[in-house]
Amino acid sequence: MAALALSDLDRLRESVRVEFKLAAGRNGLGQLPEAIWESYSAFANTQGGEIILGVREHEGQFSIQGIAQPEPLVQQIWQILEDRSRISCNLLGPRDVQIVALADKKLIRIHVPEATKTQKPIFLGSSPFGGTYFRVGDADMRASHRQVNRLLRESKHLTPPES
């Protein structure tokens, strides 16, 4: 389990490259929030970023909540990333999903790299239309039909011809 520096506590803010989610679940032991996948798509289609699970937001202030049992959530993350009916492409490698310690609590850090032009759009569900997101400031925004078409054109344009 990797450790974050305590100085990171002072800098808890969402941004174009950072998204926090609570992930406590009803029983307090941990549950993946469905909205992490919108952030995954948004970061992949924009400039990459970090999703940190186990942080509570209240009135614009963030605090470390932790996740009591993060291991099952990590397993679930990998299962969902490999399910093409849920996510169009898994961009992550073993080092991109980590259980980290901060303030004696366990968090999950998900590093999402930016997808290559040939991989974009990264989308949720079975169609890029309605399931593609971009990161704008500290928010995940659904891509318009026009934006998705542009990504598809760029991706097809860069795909090498079949032999």
N, C-alpha and C. Protein backbone atom coordinates (compact mmCIF):
# COMPACT_ATOMS: atom_id res chain seq x y z
N MET A 1 0.86 -1.17 0.00
CA MET A 1 0.00 0.00 0.00
C MET A 1 0.90 1.23 0.00
N ALA A 2 0.73 2.10 -0.98
CA ALA A 2 1.52 3.32 -1.10
C ALA A 2 1.00 4.37 -0.13
N ALA A 3 1.87 5.28 0.27
CA ALA A 3 1.46 6.34 1.20
C ALA A 3 1.52 7.69 0.49
N LEU A 4 0.55 8.53 0.77
CA LEU A 4 0.56 9.90 0.28
C LEU A 4 1.17 10.78 1.36
N ALA A 5 1.76 11.87 0.96
CA ALA A 5 2.36 12.79 1.93
C ALA A 5 1.26 13.51 2.71
N LEU A 6 1.49 13.72 4.00
CA LEU A 6 0.50 14.44 4.81
C LEU A 6 0.27 15.85 4.31
N SER A 7 1.25 16.41 3.62
CA SER A 7 1.07 17.76 3.07
C SER A 7 -0.05 17.77 2.03
N ASP A 8 -0.39 16.60 1.49
CA ASP A 8 -1.48 16.53 0.52
C ASP A 8 -2.82 16.91 1.15
N LEU A 9 -2.96 16.75 2.46
CA LEU A 9 -4.21 17.11 3.14
C LEU A 9 -4.58 18.57 2.92
N ASP A 10 -3.58 19.43 2.88
CA ASP A 10 -3.83 20.86 2.73
C ASP A 10 -4.26 21.23 1.31
N ARG A 11 -4.04 20.33 0.37
CA ARG A 11 -4.30 20.66 -1.03
C ARG A 11 -5.50 19.90 -1.61
N LEU A 12 -6.40 19.44 -0.77
CA LEU A 12 -7.54 18.68 -1.27
C LEU A 12 -8.50 19.59 -2.02
N ARG A 13 -8.45 19.49 -3.33
CA ARG A 13 -9.34 20.26 -4.20
C ARG A 13 -9.57 19.46 -5.47
N GLU A 14 -10.78 19.57 -5.99
CA GLU A 14 -11.03 18.99 -7.29
C GLU A 14 -10.55 19.98 -8.34
N SER A 15 -10.16 19.44 -9.49
CA SER A 15 -9.64 20.29 -10.55
C SER A 15 -9.84 19.58 -11.88
N VAL A 16 -9.26 20.14 -12.91
CA VAL A 16 -9.32 19.54 -14.23
C VAL A 16 -8.64 18.16 -14.23
N ARG A 17 -7.76 17.90 -13.26
CA ARG A 17 -7.01 16.64 -13.22
C ARG A 17 -7.25 15.81 -11.97
N VAL A 18 -8.17 16.24 -11.07
CA VAL A 18 -8.43 15.50 -9.83
C VAL A 18 -9.93 15.45 -9.54
N GLU A 19 -10.42 14.25 -9.22
CA GLU A 19 -11.82 14.05 -8.84
C GLU A 19 -11.86 13.21 -7.58
N PHE A 20 -12.64 13.64 -6.59
CA PHE A 20 -12.82 12.89 -5.35
C PHE A 20 -14.20 12.28 -5.31
N LYS A 21 -14.29 11.07 -4.76
CA LYS A 21 -15.55 10.39 -4.54
C LYS A 21 -15.51 9.76 -3.15
N LEU A 22 -16.66 9.70 -2.48
CA LEU A 22 -16.72 9.15 -1.13
C LEU A 22 -16.52 7.63 -1.12
N ALA A 23 -17.33 6.89 -1.84
CA ALA A 23 -17.22 5.43 -1.95
C ALA A 23 -17.42 4.70 -0.63
N ALA A 24 -18.23 5.24 0.27
CA ALA A 24 -18.47 4.60 1.57
C ALA A 24 -19.49 3.48 1.48
N GLY A 25 -20.51 3.65 0.65
CA GLY A 25 -21.58 2.67 0.58
C GLY A 25 -22.53 2.79 1.75
N ARG A 26 -23.64 2.09 1.66
CA ARG A 26 -24.66 2.16 2.72
C ARG A 26 -24.16 1.60 4.04
N ASN A 27 -23.34 0.56 3.98
CA ASN A 27 -22.86 -0.08 5.21
C ASN A 27 -21.56 0.53 5.73
N GLY A 28 -21.00 1.50 5.01
CA GLY A 28 -19.77 2.15 5.44
C GLY A 28 -18.51 1.37 5.14
N LEU A 29 -18.62 0.18 4.54
CA LEU A 29 -17.45 -0.64 4.26
C LEU A 29 -16.84 -0.35 2.90
N GLY A 30 -17.59 0.30 2.04
CA GLY A 30 -17.09 0.67 0.72
C GLY A 30 -18.01 0.20 -0.39
N GLN A 31 -18.21 1.08 -1.36
CA GLN A 31 -19.00 0.77 -2.55
C GLN A 31 -18.56 1.71 -3.65
N LEU A 32 -18.41 1.18 -4.86
CA LEU A 32 -18.02 2.02 -5.98
C LEU A 32 -19.16 2.94 -6.37
N PRO A 33 -18.92 4.23 -6.41
CA PRO A 33 -19.95 5.13 -6.92
C PRO A 33 -20.01 5.01 -8.44
N GLU A 34 -21.18 4.94 -8.99
CA GLU A 34 -21.33 4.78 -10.44
C GLU A 34 -20.70 5.94 -11.19
N ALA A 35 -20.67 7.13 -10.60
CA ALA A 35 -20.15 8.32 -11.27
C ALA A 35 -18.64 8.27 -11.52
N ILE A 36 -17.92 7.30 -10.95
CA ILE A 36 -16.48 7.25 -11.24
C ILE A 36 -16.24 6.95 -12.71
N TRP A 37 -17.17 6.28 -13.36
CA TRP A 37 -16.96 5.91 -14.76
C TRP A 37 -17.12 7.11 -15.68
N GLU A 38 -17.97 8.05 -15.31
CA GLU A 38 -18.05 9.31 -16.06
C GLU A 38 -16.72 10.05 -15.95
N SER A 39 -16.13 10.04 -14.76
CA SER A 39 -14.82 10.69 -14.57
C SER A 39 -13.74 9.95 -15.35
N TYR A 40 -13.80 8.63 -15.36
CA TYR A 40 -12.83 7.84 -16.14
C TYR A 40 -12.89 8.24 -17.61
N SER A 41 -14.10 8.29 -18.18
CA SER A 41 -14.28 8.69 -19.57
C SER A 41 -13.78 10.11 -19.79
N ALA A 42 -14.16 11.01 -18.89
CA ALA A 42 -13.80 12.42 -19.03
C ALA A 42 -12.28 12.61 -19.00
N PHE A 43 -11.61 12.01 -18.04
CA PHE A 43 -10.16 12.14 -17.97
C PHE A 43 -9.50 11.52 -19.21
N ALA A 44 -9.96 10.35 -19.62
CA ALA A 44 -9.38 9.67 -20.78
C ALA A 44 -9.53 10.50 -22.05
N ASN A 45 -10.65 11.19 -22.19
CA ASN A 45 -10.91 11.97 -23.40
C ASN A 45 -10.35 13.39 -23.33
N THR A 46 -9.84 13.80 -22.18
CA THR A 46 -9.32 15.16 -22.04
C THR A 46 -7.81 15.10 -21.88
N GLN A 47 -7.29 15.21 -20.67
CA GLN A 47 -5.84 15.19 -20.50
C GLN A 47 -5.37 14.27 -19.38
N GLY A 48 -6.21 13.30 -19.01
CA GLY A 48 -5.85 12.37 -17.95
C GLY A 48 -6.12 12.99 -16.59
N GLY A 49 -6.01 12.17 -15.55
CA GLY A 49 -6.24 12.68 -14.20
C GLY A 49 -6.27 11.58 -13.17
N GLU A 50 -6.60 11.98 -11.95
CA GLU A 50 -6.62 11.08 -10.80
C GLU A 50 -8.02 11.07 -10.20
N ILE A 51 -8.54 9.87 -9.95
CA ILE A 51 -9.78 9.70 -9.21
C ILE A 51 -9.38 9.14 -7.85
N ILE A 52 -9.76 9.83 -6.79
CA ILE A 52 -9.43 9.40 -5.44
C ILE A 52 -10.73 9.02 -4.74
N LEU A 53 -10.83 7.75 -4.34
CA LEU A 53 -12.00 7.27 -3.63
C LEU A 53 -11.72 7.25 -2.13
N GLY A 54 -12.69 7.72 -1.35
CA GLY A 54 -12.56 7.75 0.11
C GLY A 54 -12.48 9.16 0.66
N VAL A 55 -12.87 10.15 -0.15
CA VAL A 55 -12.83 11.56 0.28
C VAL A 55 -14.24 12.12 0.24
N ARG A 56 -14.65 12.72 1.34
CA ARG A 56 -15.99 13.31 1.47
C ARG A 56 -15.95 14.79 1.10
N GLU A 57 -16.98 15.24 0.38
CA GLU A 57 -17.15 16.67 0.09
C GLU A 57 -18.38 17.16 0.83
N HIS A 58 -18.23 18.26 1.53
CA HIS A 58 -19.35 18.89 2.21
C HIS A 58 -19.20 20.40 2.08
N GLU A 59 -20.14 21.01 1.36
CA GLU A 59 -20.14 22.46 1.15
C GLU A 59 -18.81 22.97 0.62
N GLY A 60 -18.28 22.25 -0.36
CA GLY A 60 -17.05 22.68 -1.00
C GLY A 60 -15.77 22.35 -0.25
N GLN A 61 -15.89 21.72 0.91
CA GLN A 61 -14.72 21.32 1.70
C GLN A 61 -14.55 19.82 1.60
N PHE A 62 -13.31 19.37 1.53
CA PHE A 62 -13.03 17.95 1.38
C PHE A 62 -12.34 17.43 2.63
N SER A 63 -12.71 16.20 3.03
CA SER A 63 -12.08 15.57 4.19
C SER A 63 -11.85 14.09 3.89
N ILE A 64 -10.81 13.54 4.48
CA ILE A 64 -10.47 12.13 4.29
C ILE A 64 -11.44 11.29 5.10
N GLN A 65 -12.21 10.46 4.42
CA GLN A 65 -13.14 9.55 5.08
C GLN A 65 -12.52 8.15 5.16
N GLY A 66 -11.85 7.75 4.08
CA GLY A 66 -11.28 6.42 4.02
C GLY A 66 -12.29 5.39 3.57
N ILE A 67 -11.79 4.21 3.26
CA ILE A 67 -12.62 3.08 2.85
C ILE A 67 -12.22 1.91 3.74
N ALA A 68 -13.18 1.39 4.49
CA ALA A 68 -12.88 0.33 5.46
C ALA A 68 -12.33 -0.93 4.78
N GLN A 69 -12.93 -1.33 3.66
CA GLN A 69 -12.50 -2.54 2.96
C GLN A 69 -12.29 -2.23 1.47
N PRO A 70 -11.14 -1.65 1.12
CA PRO A 70 -10.92 -1.24 -0.28
C PRO A 70 -10.65 -2.38 -1.25
N GLU A 71 -10.16 -3.51 -0.79
CA GLU A 71 -9.75 -4.59 -1.69
C GLU A 71 -10.88 -5.06 -2.61
N PRO A 72 -12.10 -5.32 -2.09
CA PRO A 72 -13.17 -5.73 -3.01
C PRO A 72 -13.50 -4.66 -4.07
N LEU A 73 -13.36 -3.40 -3.72
CA LEU A 73 -13.61 -2.34 -4.68
C LEU A 73 -12.58 -2.35 -5.80
N VAL A 74 -11.32 -2.60 -5.46
CA VAL A 74 -10.27 -2.68 -6.47
C VAL A 74 -10.57 -3.83 -7.43
N GLN A 75 -10.99 -4.97 -6.90
CA GLN A 75 -11.35 -6.10 -7.76
C GLN A 75 -12.51 -5.73 -8.69
N GLN A 76 -13.49 -5.03 -8.14
CA GLN A 76 -14.65 -4.63 -8.93
C GLN A 76 -14.25 -3.64 -10.03
N ILE A 77 -13.32 -2.74 -9.73
CA ILE A 77 -12.82 -1.78 -10.74
C ILE A 77 -12.27 -2.55 -11.93
N TRP A 78 -11.41 -3.55 -11.66
CA TRP A 78 -10.81 -4.31 -12.76
C TRP A 78 -11.86 -5.09 -13.54
N GLN A 79 -12.86 -5.65 -12.85
CA GLN A 79 -13.93 -6.38 -13.55
C GLN A 79 -14.69 -5.47 -14.49
N ILE A 80 -15.04 -4.29 -14.03
CA ILE A 80 -15.80 -3.35 -14.86
C ILE A 80 -14.96 -2.86 -16.03
N LEU A 81 -13.68 -2.58 -15.80
CA LEU A 81 -12.81 -2.11 -16.88
C LEU A 81 -12.67 -3.14 -18.00
N GLU A 82 -12.81 -4.40 -17.69
CA GLU A 82 -12.69 -5.46 -18.70
C GLU A 82 -14.03 -5.81 -19.34
N ASP A 83 -15.11 -5.18 -18.91
CA ASP A 83 -16.44 -5.46 -19.45
C ASP A 83 -16.76 -4.45 -20.55
N ARG A 84 -16.65 -4.87 -21.81
CA ARG A 84 -16.86 -3.96 -22.95
C ARG A 84 -18.30 -3.47 -23.05
N SER A 85 -19.25 -4.08 -22.36
CA SER A 85 -20.62 -3.55 -22.35
C SER A 85 -20.72 -2.36 -21.39
N ARG A 86 -19.73 -2.18 -20.52
CA ARG A 86 -19.72 -1.06 -19.56
C ARG A 86 -18.78 0.06 -19.97
N ILE A 87 -17.55 -0.31 -20.41
CA ILE A 87 -16.50 0.66 -20.75
C ILE A 87 -15.90 0.25 -22.09
N SER A 88 -15.72 1.21 -22.99
CA SER A 88 -15.23 0.88 -24.34
C SER A 88 -13.79 0.41 -24.38
N CYS A 89 -12.96 0.85 -23.42
CA CYS A 89 -11.53 0.53 -23.48
C CYS A 89 -10.91 0.66 -22.09
N ASN A 90 -10.12 -0.33 -21.70
CA ASN A 90 -9.37 -0.25 -20.45
C ASN A 90 -8.00 0.35 -20.75
N LEU A 91 -7.74 1.53 -20.24
CA LEU A 91 -6.46 2.21 -20.44
C LEU A 91 -5.48 1.94 -19.29
N LEU A 92 -5.94 1.28 -18.23
CA LEU A 92 -5.15 1.19 -17.01
C LEU A 92 -4.29 -0.06 -16.94
N GLY A 93 -3.13 0.11 -16.30
CA GLY A 93 -2.24 -1.00 -16.00
C GLY A 93 -2.21 -1.21 -14.50
N PRO A 94 -1.50 -2.25 -14.03
CA PRO A 94 -1.49 -2.58 -12.60
C PRO A 94 -1.10 -1.43 -11.67
N ARG A 95 -0.22 -0.56 -12.08
CA ARG A 95 0.21 0.55 -11.22
C ARG A 95 -0.79 1.71 -11.18
N ASP A 96 -1.80 1.67 -12.05
CA ASP A 96 -2.75 2.78 -12.14
C ASP A 96 -3.87 2.71 -11.10
N VAL A 97 -4.03 1.58 -10.43
CA VAL A 97 -5.05 1.44 -9.38
C VAL A 97 -4.32 1.00 -8.12
N GLN A 98 -4.33 1.86 -7.09
CA GLN A 98 -3.58 1.59 -5.88
C GLN A 98 -4.41 1.88 -4.65
N ILE A 99 -4.18 1.08 -3.61
CA ILE A 99 -4.70 1.42 -2.28
C ILE A 99 -3.60 2.24 -1.63
N VAL A 100 -3.96 3.43 -1.17
CA VAL A 100 -2.98 4.33 -0.57
C VAL A 100 -3.43 4.70 0.84
N ALA A 101 -2.48 5.09 1.66
CA ALA A 101 -2.77 5.50 3.04
C ALA A 101 -2.56 7.00 3.18
N LEU A 102 -3.51 7.64 3.84
CA LEU A 102 -3.40 9.06 4.13
C LEU A 102 -4.15 9.31 5.43
N ALA A 103 -3.49 9.95 6.38
CA ALA A 103 -4.09 10.24 7.68
C ALA A 103 -4.63 8.96 8.32
N ASP A 104 -3.86 7.87 8.25
CA ASP A 104 -4.23 6.58 8.82
C ASP A 104 -5.52 5.99 8.26
N LYS A 105 -5.87 6.38 7.06
CA LYS A 105 -7.07 5.85 6.40
C LYS A 105 -6.67 5.31 5.03
N LYS A 106 -7.44 4.35 4.54
CA LYS A 106 -7.17 3.76 3.23
C LYS A 106 -8.03 4.44 2.17
N LEU A 107 -7.39 4.80 1.08
CA LEU A 107 -8.06 5.39 -0.08
C LEU A 107 -7.70 4.56 -1.30
N ILE A 108 -8.45 4.76 -2.37
CA ILE A 108 -8.08 4.15 -3.65
C ILE A 108 -7.77 5.27 -4.61
N ARG A 109 -6.59 5.18 -5.21
CA ARG A 109 -6.15 6.16 -6.21
C ARG A 109 -6.18 5.48 -7.57
N ILE A 110 -6.91 6.11 -8.50
CA ILE A 110 -6.99 5.59 -9.87
C ILE A 110 -6.38 6.64 -10.78
N HIS A 111 -5.26 6.29 -11.38
CA HIS A 111 -4.61 7.19 -12.34
C HIS A 111 -5.15 6.85 -13.72
N VAL A 112 -5.78 7.83 -14.38
CA VAL A 112 -6.34 7.63 -15.72
C VAL A 112 -5.49 8.42 -16.71
N PRO A 113 -4.78 7.73 -17.60
CA PRO A 113 -4.01 8.46 -18.61
C PRO A 113 -4.93 8.98 -19.71
N GLU A 114 -4.47 9.97 -20.43
CA GLU A 114 -5.22 10.41 -21.60
C GLU A 114 -5.13 9.33 -22.66
N ALA A 115 -6.25 9.03 -23.28
CA ALA A 115 -6.29 8.06 -24.37
C ALA A 115 -5.60 8.65 -25.60
N THR A 116 -5.06 7.77 -26.43
CA THR A 116 -4.49 8.24 -27.70
C THR A 116 -5.64 8.62 -28.63
N LYS A 117 -5.33 9.37 -29.66
CA LYS A 117 -6.37 9.77 -30.62
C LYS A 117 -7.04 8.56 -31.26
N THR A 118 -6.29 7.48 -31.47
CA THR A 118 -6.89 6.30 -32.09
C THR A 118 -7.78 5.53 -31.11
N GLN A 119 -7.61 5.73 -29.79
CA GLN A 119 -8.45 5.08 -28.79
C GLN A 119 -9.73 5.86 -28.51
N LYS A 120 -9.70 7.16 -28.75
CA LYS A 120 -10.84 8.01 -28.42
C LYS A 120 -11.97 7.82 -29.42
N PRO A 121 -13.18 7.97 -28.98
CA PRO A 121 -13.62 8.34 -27.65
C PRO A 121 -13.69 7.13 -26.71
N ILE A 122 -13.35 7.36 -25.46
CA ILE A 122 -13.57 6.37 -24.41
C ILE A 122 -14.97 6.66 -23.88
N PHE A 123 -15.84 5.65 -23.92
CA PHE A 123 -17.23 5.90 -23.57
C PHE A 123 -17.81 4.79 -22.70
N LEU A 124 -18.94 5.09 -22.08
CA LEU A 124 -19.67 4.16 -21.23
C LEU A 124 -20.79 3.53 -22.03
N GLY A 125 -21.06 2.28 -21.79
CA GLY A 125 -22.15 1.61 -22.48
C GLY A 125 -21.74 1.15 -23.87
N SER A 126 -22.75 0.95 -24.72
CA SER A 126 -22.49 0.36 -26.03
C SER A 126 -22.35 1.38 -27.16
N SER A 127 -22.59 2.66 -26.87
CA SER A 127 -22.51 3.67 -27.92
C SER A 127 -21.78 4.91 -27.43
N PRO A 128 -20.90 5.48 -28.26
CA PRO A 128 -20.21 6.70 -27.85
C PRO A 128 -21.17 7.88 -27.70
N PHE A 129 -22.31 7.83 -28.39
CA PHE A 129 -23.28 8.93 -28.30
C PHE A 129 -24.08 8.76 -27.02
N GLY A 130 -23.89 9.69 -26.10
CA GLY A 130 -24.55 9.61 -24.80
C GLY A 130 -23.66 9.05 -23.71
N GLY A 131 -22.56 8.39 -24.07
CA GLY A 131 -21.69 7.80 -23.07
C GLY A 131 -20.29 8.34 -23.05
N THR A 132 -20.03 9.41 -23.80
CA THR A 132 -18.70 10.02 -23.86
C THR A 132 -18.71 11.29 -23.03
N TYR A 133 -17.64 11.47 -22.23
CA TYR A 133 -17.53 12.64 -21.35
C TYR A 133 -16.20 13.34 -21.57
N PHE A 134 -16.19 14.64 -21.24
CA PHE A 134 -14.98 15.46 -21.22
C PHE A 134 -14.86 16.09 -19.84
N ARG A 135 -13.65 16.44 -19.46
CA ARG A 135 -13.42 17.14 -18.20
C ARG A 135 -13.36 18.63 -18.51
N VAL A 136 -14.21 19.41 -17.85
CA VAL A 136 -14.24 20.86 -18.00
C VAL A 136 -14.13 21.44 -16.60
N GLY A 137 -12.98 22.05 -16.30
CA GLY A 137 -12.75 22.54 -14.94
C GLY A 137 -12.74 21.36 -13.98
N ASP A 138 -13.62 21.40 -12.97
CA ASP A 138 -13.69 20.29 -12.02
C ASP A 138 -14.95 19.44 -12.23
N ALA A 139 -15.51 19.49 -13.44
CA ALA A 139 -16.74 18.76 -13.72
C ALA A 139 -16.59 17.83 -14.92
N ASP A 140 -17.35 16.75 -14.89
CA ASP A 140 -17.44 15.83 -16.02
C ASP A 140 -18.66 16.23 -16.84
N MET A 141 -18.44 16.54 -18.12
CA MET A 141 -19.53 17.00 -18.98
C MET A 141 -19.76 15.99 -20.10
N ARG A 142 -21.03 15.67 -20.34
CA ARG A 142 -21.37 14.76 -21.43
C ARG A 142 -21.03 15.43 -22.76
N ALA A 143 -20.37 14.69 -23.64
CA ALA A 143 -19.98 15.22 -24.95
C ALA A 143 -21.21 15.35 -25.84
N SER A 144 -21.21 16.38 -26.64
CA SER A 144 -22.29 16.58 -27.61
C SER A 144 -22.12 15.60 -28.77
N HIS A 145 -23.17 15.45 -29.55
CA HIS A 145 -23.14 14.61 -30.74
C HIS A 145 -22.01 15.07 -31.67
N ARG A 146 -21.88 16.38 -31.81
CA ARG A 146 -20.84 16.96 -32.66
C ARG A 146 -19.43 16.64 -32.14
N GLN A 147 -19.24 16.74 -30.83
CA GLN A 147 -17.92 16.43 -30.25
C GLN A 147 -17.57 14.96 -30.45
N VAL A 148 -18.55 14.08 -30.27
CA VAL A 148 -18.29 12.65 -30.47
C VAL A 148 -17.95 12.37 -31.93
N ASN A 149 -18.69 12.98 -32.84
CA ASN A 149 -18.39 12.80 -34.27
C ASN A 149 -16.97 13.25 -34.60
N ARG A 150 -16.54 14.36 -34.01
CA ARG A 150 -15.18 14.85 -34.25
C ARG A 150 -14.14 13.83 -33.76
N LEU A 151 -14.34 13.29 -32.55
CA LEU A 151 -13.42 12.28 -32.03
C LEU A 151 -13.39 11.04 -32.93
N LEU A 152 -14.56 10.62 -33.39
CA LEU A 152 -14.63 9.45 -34.27
C LEU A 152 -13.91 9.70 -35.60
N ARG A 153 -14.11 10.89 -36.16
CA ARG A 153 -13.41 11.23 -37.42
C ARG A 153 -11.91 11.23 -37.21
N GLU A 154 -11.43 11.85 -36.14
CA GLU A 154 -9.99 11.90 -35.86
C GLU A 154 -9.43 10.49 -35.65
N SER A 155 -10.17 9.66 -34.95
CA SER A 155 -9.73 8.30 -34.68
C SER A 155 -9.63 7.50 -35.97
N LYS A 156 -10.66 7.60 -36.82
CA LYS A 156 -10.68 6.86 -38.08
C LYS A 156 -9.59 7.36 -39.02
N HIS A 157 -9.39 8.67 -39.03
CA HIS A 157 -8.38 9.28 -39.89
C HIS A 157 -6.98 8.75 -39.53
N LEU A 158 -6.74 8.52 -38.24
CA LEU A 158 -5.41 8.09 -37.80
C LEU A 158 -5.23 6.58 -37.83
N THR A 159 -6.30 5.82 -38.02
CA THR A 159 -6.18 4.36 -38.02
C THR A 159 -5.46 3.91 -39.29
N PRO A 160 -4.40 3.10 -39.15
CA PRO A 160 -3.68 2.65 -40.34
C PRO A 160 -4.58 1.78 -41.20
N PRO A 161 -4.42 1.85 -42.52
CA PRO A 161 -5.24 1.02 -43.40
C PRO A 161 -4.96 -0.46 -43.17
N GLU A 162 -6.00 -1.27 -43.34
CA GLU A 162 -5.83 -2.72 -43.17
C GLU A 162 -5.11 -3.29 -44.39
N SER A 163 -4.27 -4.32 -44.14
CA SER A 163 -3.56 -4.93 -45.26
C SER A 163 -4.25 -6.18 -45.73
